[in-house]
Amino acid sequence: MGADFSVVFWKEWKEIVLERSAGGAGSYRPLIVIGMLGIFVPLRMGPERFFNPLQLLVYSFFSAVVVTAVIADSFAGERERHTLETLLATRLSDRSILFGKIAASIVYGWLISMLCVVAGVVTVNVTHWEGHVLLYHDPASWLTLVLGPPLTAGFVATAGVLVSLRASTVRHAQQTLMVGFLVLFLGLFFGLTQLPAEWKAWFSGILVSWSAAALVLAAAGVVLAADLALLVAGMARFQRAKLVLD
């Protein structure tokens, strides 16, 4: 499976980097984003704000947004370009096709978010130089930096593949994803506000008593469980015969 996975990964990676963002302003879009989140926004912050663990949540969220823009193309785009039948007719295994497409999207989102962070660190150090390099110094920041972008990108990638497998067009897949995530976030928000008072007190106690690093690990565990559940659902839904007939 390793060789098959590499073939699909590099095929998908080249399409994401070279084709899906080729032409017009699209080819400069990653640079524009890195300039905004990696240079312009950090310029308006001091070191205390920029190196706060909560600030890293912005980059984790952004990695998910980046993946949303490319994962909808994973199967729906192949269907639109009439290349899905050719891909499914190869001897590549089902899991290598599925995992390769998901992994390429996750790595793309993670890479863009990390470039934003690196650019931000350089920007803050240049504008607030005090004779030593400023970096993230607490465990919560490093855990958020390492776990946040790939896990949030993984959630969107696995959910996006489920949608793209059955979507007739890329636009349809993107719209379904956006509506689905909007409903999810609104449901979580209103669900949390309607929790019983004792549950809210219990949750507040955790936020106060647990360390920031422990909270990050707990949140990462929840997101990882969701990622694995969506991945299993994608594996169950990926059926070559039905995809060819669609």
Protein backbone atom coordinates (compact mmCIF):
# COMPACT_ATOMS: atom_id res chain seq x y z
CA MET A 1 0.00 0.00 0.00
CA GLY A 2 2.93 2.35 0.66
CA ALA A 3 3.87 2.72 -3.01
CA ASP A 4 0.24 3.19 -4.06
CA PHE A 5 -0.26 5.80 -1.35
CA SER A 6 2.80 7.74 -2.54
CA VAL A 7 1.51 7.74 -6.12
CA VAL A 8 -1.89 9.13 -5.12
CA PHE A 9 -0.38 11.60 -2.66
CA TRP A 10 1.98 13.13 -5.22
CA LYS A 11 -0.71 13.18 -7.91
CA GLU A 12 -3.06 15.02 -5.57
CA TRP A 13 -0.31 17.31 -4.27
CA LYS A 14 0.67 18.41 -7.78
CA GLU A 15 -2.97 19.09 -8.62
CA ILE A 16 -3.46 21.16 -5.46
CA VAL A 17 -0.29 23.21 -5.83
CA LEU A 18 0.01 23.53 -9.60
CA GLU A 19 -3.45 23.15 -11.11
CA ARG A 20 -6.10 24.17 -8.60
CA SER A 21 -4.32 27.44 -7.85
CA ALA A 22 -2.96 28.05 -11.34
CA GLY A 23 -3.88 30.99 -13.49
CA GLY A 24 -4.94 34.52 -12.63
CA ALA A 25 -4.84 35.69 -9.04
CA GLY A 26 -5.24 32.12 -7.80
CA SER A 27 -1.54 31.40 -8.18
CA TYR A 28 -0.75 34.26 -5.79
CA ARG A 29 -3.50 33.48 -3.28
CA PRO A 30 -1.27 31.51 -0.84
CA LEU A 31 1.28 34.35 -0.87
CA ILE A 32 -1.46 36.90 -0.21
CA VAL A 33 -2.74 34.85 2.73
CA ILE A 34 0.75 34.38 4.18
CA GLY A 35 1.36 38.12 3.80
CA MET A 36 -1.87 38.95 5.65
CA LEU A 37 -1.71 36.42 8.50
CA GLY A 38 2.06 36.12 8.66
CA ILE A 39 3.12 39.75 8.30
CA PHE A 40 0.29 42.30 8.42
CA VAL A 41 -1.59 40.85 11.42
CA PRO A 42 1.55 40.22 13.56
CA LEU A 43 2.70 43.77 12.82
CA ARG A 44 -0.36 45.02 14.70
CA MET A 45 0.34 42.79 17.71
CA GLY A 46 2.90 42.91 20.44
CA PRO A 47 4.91 39.83 21.41
CA GLU A 48 2.59 39.15 24.36
CA ARG A 49 -0.47 38.83 22.11
CA PHE A 50 1.23 37.03 19.26
CA PHE A 51 2.89 34.37 21.43
CA ASN A 52 -0.33 33.65 23.34
CA PRO A 53 -1.57 30.05 22.86
CA LEU A 54 -5.04 31.35 21.99
CA GLN A 55 -3.58 33.20 19.01
CA LEU A 56 -2.46 29.87 17.57
CA LEU A 57 -6.08 28.77 17.38
CA VAL A 58 -6.45 31.27 14.54
CA TYR A 59 -3.83 29.40 12.52
CA SER A 60 -5.43 26.06 13.37
CA PHE A 61 -8.78 27.37 12.17
CA PHE A 62 -7.17 28.79 9.06
CA SER A 63 -5.64 25.42 8.15
CA ALA A 64 -9.18 24.04 8.17
CA VAL A 65 -10.38 26.85 5.89
CA VAL A 66 -7.53 26.14 3.45
CA VAL A 67 -8.44 22.45 3.35
CA THR A 68 -12.09 23.29 2.73
CA ALA A 69 -11.06 25.06 -0.47
CA VAL A 70 -9.24 22.01 -1.90
CA ILE A 71 -10.84 18.87 -0.46
CA ALA A 72 -14.14 19.43 -2.27
CA ASP A 73 -12.21 18.83 -5.50
CA SER A 74 -10.89 15.44 -4.35
CA PHE A 75 -13.58 13.29 -5.99
CA ALA A 76 -16.13 15.80 -7.28
CA GLY A 77 -13.39 17.46 -9.33
CA GLU A 78 -12.34 14.13 -10.80
CA ARG A 79 -15.99 13.52 -11.69
CA GLU A 80 -16.29 16.92 -13.38
CA ARG A 81 -13.08 16.41 -15.37
CA HIS A 82 -14.17 12.86 -16.34
CA THR A 83 -11.00 11.39 -14.84
CA LEU A 84 -12.65 9.51 -11.96
CA GLU A 85 -13.31 6.40 -14.05
CA THR A 86 -9.66 6.32 -15.15
CA LEU A 87 -8.45 6.64 -11.55
CA LEU A 88 -10.77 3.91 -10.30
CA ALA A 89 -9.78 1.61 -13.18
CA THR A 90 -6.16 1.54 -12.00
CA ARG A 91 -4.74 -1.14 -9.72
CA LEU A 92 -4.36 1.37 -6.90
CA SER A 93 -6.03 0.11 -3.73
CA ASP A 94 -9.13 1.78 -2.35
CA ARG A 95 -7.38 2.85 0.83
CA SER A 96 -4.37 4.29 -0.99
CA ILE A 97 -6.68 6.46 -3.12
CA LEU A 98 -8.70 7.62 -0.13
CA PHE A 99 -5.76 8.13 2.24
CA GLY A 100 -3.60 9.77 -0.41
CA LYS A 101 -6.20 12.41 -1.22
CA ILE A 102 -6.90 13.13 2.45
CA ALA A 103 -3.20 13.29 3.37
CA ALA A 104 -2.34 15.69 0.54
CA SER A 105 -5.07 18.11 1.64
CA ILE A 106 -4.01 17.93 5.30
CA VAL A 107 -0.34 18.55 4.46
CA TYR A 108 -1.30 21.50 2.25
CA GLY A 109 -3.37 23.12 5.00
CA TRP A 110 -0.71 22.39 7.62
CA LEU A 111 2.07 23.79 5.42
CA ILE A 112 0.25 27.08 4.70
CA SER A 113 -0.58 27.58 8.39
CA MET A 114 3.02 26.83 9.44
CA LEU A 115 4.36 29.29 6.87
CA CYS A 116 2.06 31.92 8.37
CA VAL A 117 3.37 31.13 11.86
CA VAL A 118 7.01 31.25 10.77
CA ALA A 119 6.46 34.53 8.94
CA GLY A 120 4.73 35.89 12.03
CA VAL A 121 7.59 34.88 14.33
CA VAL A 122 10.11 36.56 12.02
CA THR A 123 7.95 39.69 11.75
CA VAL A 124 7.51 40.05 15.51
CA ASN A 125 11.23 39.49 16.15
CA VAL A 126 12.25 42.06 13.55
CA THR A 127 9.83 44.72 14.79
CA HIS A 128 10.40 44.04 18.53
CA TRP A 129 14.06 43.04 18.61
CA GLU A 130 15.49 43.14 22.13
CA GLY A 131 18.76 41.30 21.64
CA HIS A 132 17.33 37.76 21.79
CA VAL A 133 15.02 35.63 19.68
CA LEU A 134 11.39 35.57 20.79
CA LEU A 135 9.66 32.18 20.55
CA TYR A 136 6.77 30.27 22.05
CA HIS A 137 7.86 29.33 25.55
CA ASP A 138 5.03 27.38 27.22
CA PRO A 139 3.97 23.74 26.62
CA ALA A 140 0.41 24.73 25.67
CA SER A 141 1.69 26.84 22.77
CA TRP A 142 3.91 24.09 21.40
CA LEU A 143 1.18 21.48 21.76
CA THR A 144 -1.28 23.76 19.97
CA LEU A 145 1.30 24.45 17.28
CA VAL A 146 2.03 20.75 16.70
CA LEU A 147 -1.45 19.26 17.14
CA GLY A 148 -3.86 22.04 16.20
CA PRO A 149 -3.41 22.53 12.43
CA PRO A 150 -3.14 18.85 11.38
CA LEU A 151 -6.05 17.72 13.57
CA THR A 152 -8.41 20.51 12.52
CA ALA A 153 -7.35 20.08 8.90
CA GLY A 154 -7.91 16.35 9.30
CA PHE A 155 -11.45 16.91 10.52
CA VAL A 156 -12.30 19.03 7.48
CA ALA A 157 -10.48 16.70 5.08
CA THR A 158 -12.26 13.55 6.25
CA ALA A 159 -15.63 15.30 6.31
CA GLY A 160 -14.93 16.84 2.90
CA VAL A 161 -14.12 13.49 1.34
CA LEU A 162 -17.46 12.11 2.55
CA VAL A 163 -19.22 14.98 0.77
CA SER A 164 -17.04 14.95 -2.35
CA LEU A 165 -17.58 11.22 -2.87
CA ARG A 166 -21.22 11.82 -3.74
CA ALA A 167 -21.25 15.45 -4.94
CA SER A 168 -21.89 15.96 -8.64
CA THR A 169 -19.78 19.14 -8.87
CA VAL A 170 -17.05 20.88 -6.89
CA ARG A 171 -19.34 23.85 -6.26
CA HIS A 172 -21.99 21.54 -4.85
CA ALA A 173 -19.43 19.91 -2.55
CA GLN A 174 -18.13 23.28 -1.33
CA GLN A 175 -21.63 24.58 -0.63
CA THR A 176 -22.57 21.41 1.24
CA LEU A 177 -19.42 21.63 3.33
CA MET A 178 -19.96 25.29 4.20
CA VAL A 179 -23.59 24.71 5.19
CA GLY A 180 -22.68 21.59 7.14
CA PHE A 181 -19.98 23.32 9.17
CA LEU A 182 -22.22 26.34 9.79
CA VAL A 183 -24.94 24.06 11.15
CA LEU A 184 -22.35 22.20 13.25
CA PHE A 185 -20.92 25.36 14.83
CA LEU A 186 -24.35 26.86 15.49
CA GLY A 187 -25.53 23.57 16.96
CA LEU A 188 -22.52 23.39 19.27
CA PHE A 189 -22.97 27.01 20.33
CA PHE A 190 -26.65 26.74 21.14
CA GLY A 191 -26.15 23.27 22.61
CA LEU A 192 -23.57 24.59 25.07
CA THR A 193 -25.81 27.49 26.08
CA GLN A 194 -28.64 25.05 26.85
CA LEU A 195 -26.62 22.73 29.06
CA PRO A 196 -27.93 22.16 32.62
CA ALA A 197 -26.42 24.41 35.27
CA GLU A 198 -24.55 21.54 36.95
CA TRP A 199 -22.93 20.58 33.65
CA LYS A 200 -21.83 24.17 33.06
CA ALA A 201 -20.39 24.30 36.58
CA TRP A 202 -18.51 21.04 35.97
CA PHE A 203 -17.15 22.32 32.67
CA SER A 204 -16.14 25.66 34.21
CA GLY A 205 -14.33 23.80 36.97
CA ILE A 206 -12.28 21.92 34.39
CA LEU A 207 -11.33 25.16 32.62
CA VAL A 208 -10.17 26.65 35.91
CA SER A 209 -8.44 23.64 37.48
CA TRP A 210 -6.74 22.05 34.48
CA SER A 211 -3.51 23.42 33.06
CA ALA A 212 -3.51 24.96 29.59
CA ALA A 213 -1.46 22.04 28.26
CA ALA A 214 -3.94 19.52 29.66
CA LEU A 215 -6.83 21.40 28.05
CA VAL A 216 -5.03 21.35 24.70
CA LEU A 217 -4.42 17.61 24.96
CA ALA A 218 -8.05 16.96 25.92
CA ALA A 219 -9.33 19.03 23.00
CA ALA A 220 -6.88 17.28 20.66
CA GLY A 221 -8.16 13.91 21.86
CA VAL A 222 -11.76 14.87 21.08
CA VAL A 223 -10.86 16.15 17.59
CA LEU A 224 -8.74 13.05 16.91
CA ALA A 225 -11.67 10.79 17.83
CA ALA A 226 -13.90 12.75 15.44
CA ASP A 227 -11.23 12.49 12.71
CA LEU A 228 -11.01 8.72 13.10
CA ALA A 229 -14.79 8.31 13.11
CA LEU A 230 -15.10 10.32 9.88
CA LEU A 231 -12.22 8.38 8.34
CA VAL A 232 -13.91 5.07 9.11
CA ALA A 233 -17.14 6.42 7.59
CA GLY A 234 -15.22 7.45 4.47
CA MET A 235 -13.66 4.00 4.16
CA ALA A 236 -17.11 2.43 4.41
CA ARG A 237 -18.57 4.82 1.83
CA PHE A 238 -15.77 4.44 -0.70
CA GLN A 239 -17.12 1.79 -3.06
CA ARG A 240 -15.66 1.72 -6.56
CA ALA A 241 -18.69 0.18 -8.25
CA LYS A 242 -21.07 2.85 -6.98
CA LEU A 243 -18.63 5.68 -7.76
CA VAL A 244 -18.25 4.51 -11.34
CA LEU A 245 -22.01 4.26 -11.81
CA ASP A 246 -22.67 7.72 -10.31
